[in-house]
PDB file of N, CA and C in Angstrom:
ATOM      1  N   MET A   1     108.998  95.272  90.785  1.00  0.00           N
ATOM      2  CA  MET A   1     108.037  95.925  91.522  1.00  0.00           C
ATOM      3  C   MET A   1     108.620  97.427  91.850  1.00  0.00           C
ATOM      4  N   ILE A   2     107.677  98.306  91.787  1.00  0.00           N
ATOM      5  CA  ILE A   2     108.076  99.816  92.018  1.00  0.00           C
ATOM      6  C   ILE A   2     108.579  99.893  93.342  1.00  0.00           C
ATOM      7  N   LEU A   3     108.005  99.242  94.349  1.00  0.00           N
ATOM      8  CA  LEU A   3     108.305  99.575  95.781  1.00  0.00           C
ATOM      9  C   LEU A   3     109.841  99.047  96.089  1.00  0.00           C
ATOM     10  N   LEU A   4     110.352  98.243  95.154  1.00  0.00           N
ATOM     11  CA  LEU A   4     111.735  97.706  95.482  1.00  0.00           C
ATOM     12  C   LEU A   4     112.790  98.768  95.450  1.00  0.00           C
ATOM     13  N   HIS A   5     112.383 100.019  94.851  1.00  0.00           N
ATOM     14  CA  HIS A   5     113.250 101.129  94.663  1.00  0.00           C
ATOM     15  C   HIS A   5     113.408 101.947  95.959  1.00  0.00           C
ATOM     16  N   VAL A   6     112.544 101.710  96.994  1.00  0.00           N
ATOM     17  CA  VAL A   6     112.523 102.252  98.299  1.00  0.00           C
ATOM     18  C   VAL A   6     113.808 101.884  99.056  1.00  0.00           C
ATOM     19  N   LYS A   7     114.454 102.656  99.862  1.00  0.00           N
ATOM     20  CA  LYS A   7     115.615 102.340 100.724  1.00  0.00           C
ATOM     21  C   LYS A   7     115.407 101.098 101.517  1.00  0.00           C
ATOM     22  N   ARG A   8     116.467 100.326 101.710  1.00  0.00           N
ATOM     23  CA  ARG A   8     116.316  99.148 102.482  1.00  0.00           C
ATOM     24  C   ARG A   8     115.656  99.265 103.796  1.00  0.00           C
ATOM     25  N   GLU A   9     115.873 100.482 104.435  1.00  0.00           N
ATOM     26  CA  GLU A   9     115.397 100.643 105.783  1.00  0.00           C
ATOM     27  C   GLU A   9     113.850 100.655 105.864  1.00  0.00           C
ATOM     28  N   HIS A  10     113.329 100.765 104.579  1.00  0.00           N
ATOM     29  CA  HIS A  10     111.750 100.634 104.529  1.00  0.00           C
ATOM     30  C   HIS A  10     111.240  99.314 104.099  1.00  0.00           C
ATOM     31  N   PHE A  11     112.288  98.393 103.936  1.00  0.00           N
ATOM     32  CA  PHE A  11     111.959  97.051 103.418  1.00  0.00           C
ATOM     33  C   PHE A  11     110.827  96.335 104.156  1.00  0.00           C
ATOM     34  N   ASP A  12     110.822  96.375 105.441  1.00  0.00           N
ATOM     35  CA  ASP A  12     109.838  95.799 106.255  1.00  0.00           C
ATOM     36  C   ASP A  12     108.385  96.289 105.931  1.00  0.00           C
ATOM     37  N   GLN A  13     108.410  97.619 105.751  1.00  0.00           N
ATOM     38  CA  GLN A  13     107.138  98.303 105.388  1.00  0.00           C
ATOM     39  C   GLN A  13     106.664  97.890 104.043  1.00  0.00           C
ATOM     40  N   ILE A  14     107.626  97.616 103.124  1.00  0.00           N
ATOM     41  CA  ILE A  14     107.386  97.153 101.777  1.00  0.00           C
ATOM     42  C   ILE A  14     106.730  95.778 101.717  1.00  0.00           C
ATOM     43  N   LEU A  15     107.402  94.854 102.520  1.00  0.00           N
ATOM     44  CA  LEU A  15     106.751  93.531 102.605  1.00  0.00           C
ATOM     45  C   LEU A  15     105.403  93.621 103.252  1.00  0.00           C
ATOM     46  N   THR A  16     105.084  94.521 104.167  1.00  0.00           N
ATOM     47  CA  THR A  16     103.804  94.638 104.750  1.00  0.00           C
ATOM     48  C   THR A  16     102.766  95.014 103.635  1.00  0.00           C
ATOM     49  N   ILE A  17     103.220  96.041 102.765  1.00  0.00           N
ATOM     50  CA  ILE A  17     102.405  96.522 101.716  1.00  0.00           C
ATOM     51  C   ILE A  17     102.038  95.304 100.777  1.00  0.00           C
ATOM     52  N   GLU A  18     103.017  94.511 100.453  1.00  0.00           N
ATOM     53  CA  GLU A  18     102.846  93.352  99.590  1.00  0.00           C
ATOM     54  C   GLU A  18     101.904  92.393 100.177  1.00  0.00           C
ATOM     55  N   LEU A  19     102.052  92.044 101.431  1.00  0.00           N
ATOM     56  CA  LEU A  19     101.203  91.008 102.158  1.00  0.00           C
ATOM     57  C   LEU A  19      99.789  91.566 102.352  1.00  0.00           C
ATOM     58  N   PHE A  20      99.586  92.760 102.835  1.00  0.00           N
ATOM     59  CA  PHE A  20      98.263  93.250 103.264  1.00  0.00           C
ATOM     60  C   PHE A  20      97.560  94.123 102.275  1.00  0.00           C
ATOM     61  N   GLY A  21      98.345  94.478 101.334  1.00  0.00           N
ATOM     62  CA  GLY A  21      97.707  95.375 100.220  1.00  0.00           C
ATOM     63  C   GLY A  21      97.134  96.661 100.611  1.00  0.00           C
ATOM     64  N   ARG A  22      95.754  96.837 100.360  1.00  0.00           N
ATOM     65  CA  ARG A  22      94.941  98.006 100.681  1.00  0.00           C
ATOM     66  C   ARG A  22      95.094  98.447 102.191  1.00  0.00           C
ATOM     67  N   ASN A  23      95.041  97.520 103.125  1.00  0.00           N
ATOM     68  CA  ASN A  23      95.051  97.829 104.600  1.00  0.00           C
ATOM     69  C   ASN A  23      96.205  98.609 104.950  1.00  0.00           C
ATOM     70  N   ILE A  24      97.277  98.590 104.345  1.00  0.00           N
ATOM     71  CA  ILE A  24      98.464  99.139 104.709  1.00  0.00           C
ATOM     72  C   ILE A  24      98.624 100.567 104.008  1.00  0.00           C
ATOM     73  N   TYR A  25      97.723 100.831 103.013  1.00  0.00           N
ATOM     74  CA  TYR A  25      97.818 102.119 102.416  1.00  0.00           C
ATOM     75  C   TYR A  25      97.904 103.268 103.283  1.00  0.00           C
ATOM     76  N   ARG A  26      97.097 103.202 104.365  1.00  0.00           N
ATOM     77  CA  ARG A  26      97.088 104.314 105.389  1.00  0.00           C
ATOM     78  C   ARG A  26      98.397 104.483 106.049  1.00  0.00           C
ATOM     79  N   ASN A  27      98.969 103.396 106.442  1.00  0.00           N
ATOM     80  CA  ASN A  27     100.345 103.363 107.055  1.00  0.00           C
ATOM     81  C   ASN A  27     101.282 104.033 106.144  1.00  0.00           C
ATOM     82  N   VAL A  28     101.299 103.639 104.927  1.00  0.00           N
ATOM     83  CA  VAL A  28     102.225 104.134 103.976  1.00  0.00           C
ATOM     84  C   VAL A  28     102.115 105.685 103.800  1.00  0.00           C
ATOM     85  N   LYS A  29     100.859 106.101 103.772  1.00  0.00           N
ATOM     86  CA  LYS A  29     100.549 107.554 103.641  1.00  0.00           C
ATOM     87  C   LYS A  29     101.173 108.293 104.945  1.00  0.00           C
ATOM     88  N   VAL A  30     101.023 107.676 106.194  1.00  0.00           N
ATOM     89  CA  VAL A  30     101.519 108.351 107.322  1.00  0.00           C
ATOM     90  C   VAL A  30     103.135 108.320 107.240  1.00  0.00           C
ATOM     91  N   VAL A  31     103.615 107.087 106.893  1.00  0.00           N
ATOM     92  CA  VAL A  31     105.094 106.989 106.954  1.00  0.00           C
ATOM     93  C   VAL A  31     105.785 108.011 105.879  1.00  0.00           C
ATOM     94  N   ARG A  32     105.083 108.056 104.761  1.00  0.00           N
ATOM     95  CA  ARG A  32     105.737 109.016 103.691  1.00  0.00           C
ATOM     96  C   ARG A  32     105.655 110.446 104.063  1.00  0.00           C
ATOM     97  N   GLU A  33     104.725 110.843 104.859  1.00  0.00           N
ATOM     98  CA  GLU A  33     104.685 112.123 105.395  1.00  0.00           C
ATOM     99  C   GLU A  33     105.724 112.416 106.432  1.00  0.00           C
ATOM    100  N   ILE A  34     105.965 111.311 107.330  1.00  0.00           N
ATOM    101  CA  ILE A  34     106.915 111.441 108.337  1.00  0.00           C
ATOM    102  C   ILE A  34     108.359 111.359 107.912  1.00  0.00           C
ATOM    103  N   ARG A  35     108.598 110.358 106.954  1.00  0.00           N
ATOM    104  CA  ARG A  35     109.967 110.190 106.515  1.00  0.00           C
ATOM    105  C   ARG A  35     110.363 111.049 105.475  1.00  0.00           C
ATOM    106  N   HIS A  36     110.053 110.785 104.143  1.00  0.00           N
ATOM    107  CA  HIS A  36     110.387 111.650 103.075  1.00  0.00           C
ATOM    108  C   HIS A  36     109.507 111.563 101.818  1.00  0.00           C
ATOM    109  N   PRO A  37     109.529 112.531 100.934  1.00  0.00           N
ATOM    110  CA  PRO A  37     108.598 112.672  99.907  1.00  0.00           C
ATOM    111  C   PRO A  37     108.770 111.474  98.815  1.00  0.00           C
ATOM    112  N   LEU A  38     109.801 110.788  98.867  1.00  0.00           N
ATOM    113  CA  LEU A  38     109.995 109.811  97.845  1.00  0.00           C
ATOM    114  C   LEU A  38     108.741 108.717  97.964  1.00  0.00           C
ATOM    115  N   LEU A  39     108.352 108.435  99.155  1.00  0.00           N
ATOM    116  CA  LEU A  39     107.262 107.493  99.431  1.00  0.00           C
ATOM    117  C   LEU A  39     106.011 108.028  98.754  1.00  0.00           C
ATOM    118  N   ASN A  40     105.953 109.364  98.525  1.00  0.00           N
ATOM    119  CA  ASN A  40     104.684 110.033  97.994  1.00  0.00           C
ATOM    120  C   ASN A  40     104.419 109.241  96.558  1.00  0.00           C
ATOM    121  N   LEU A  41     105.539 109.225  95.871  1.00  0.00           N
ATOM    122  CA  LEU A  41     105.505 108.621  94.527  1.00  0.00           C
ATOM    123  C   LEU A  41     105.061 107.051  94.529  1.00  0.00           C
ATOM    124  N   LYS A  42     105.585 106.519  95.534  1.00  0.00           N
ATOM    125  CA  LYS A  42     105.320 105.018  95.703  1.00  0.00           C
ATOM    126  C   LYS A  42     103.906 104.822  96.118  1.00  0.00           C
ATOM    127  N   THR A  43     103.366 105.764  96.925  1.00  0.00           N
ATOM    128  CA  THR A  43     102.039 105.619  97.443  1.00  0.00           C
ATOM    129  C   THR A  43     101.029 105.886  96.225  1.00  0.00           C
ATOM    130  N   GLN A  44     101.382 106.831  95.507  1.00  0.00           N
ATOM    131  CA  GLN A  44     100.510 107.196  94.250  1.00  0.00           C
ATOM    132  C   GLN A  44     100.549 105.923  93.280  1.00  0.00           C
ATOM    133  N   ALA A  45     101.624 105.262  93.131  1.00  0.00           N
ATOM    134  CA  ALA A  45     101.663 104.237  92.366  1.00  0.00           C
ATOM    135  C   ALA A  45     100.735 103.064  92.830  1.00  0.00           C
ATOM    136  N   LEU A  46     100.795 102.847  94.187  1.00  0.00           N
ATOM    137  CA  LEU A  46      99.861 101.841  94.758  1.00  0.00           C
ATOM    138  C   LEU A  46      98.478 102.170  94.547  1.00  0.00           C
ATOM    139  N   ASN A  47      98.126 103.426  94.697  1.00  0.00           N
ATOM    140  CA  ASN A  47      96.763 103.932  94.454  1.00  0.00           C
ATOM    141  C   ASN A  47      96.318 103.868  93.088  1.00  0.00           C
TER     142      ASN A  47
END
């Protein structure tokens, strides 16, 4: 899975993405803007 490349500190968020799918997309978008650009690639992969 692409998301497994994210740092461990984001692991809870990753599990949430896996469990809830689309509903968490917005949270990921917010988190990636707050934390770091790496999540931007992950988010695009989900989209």
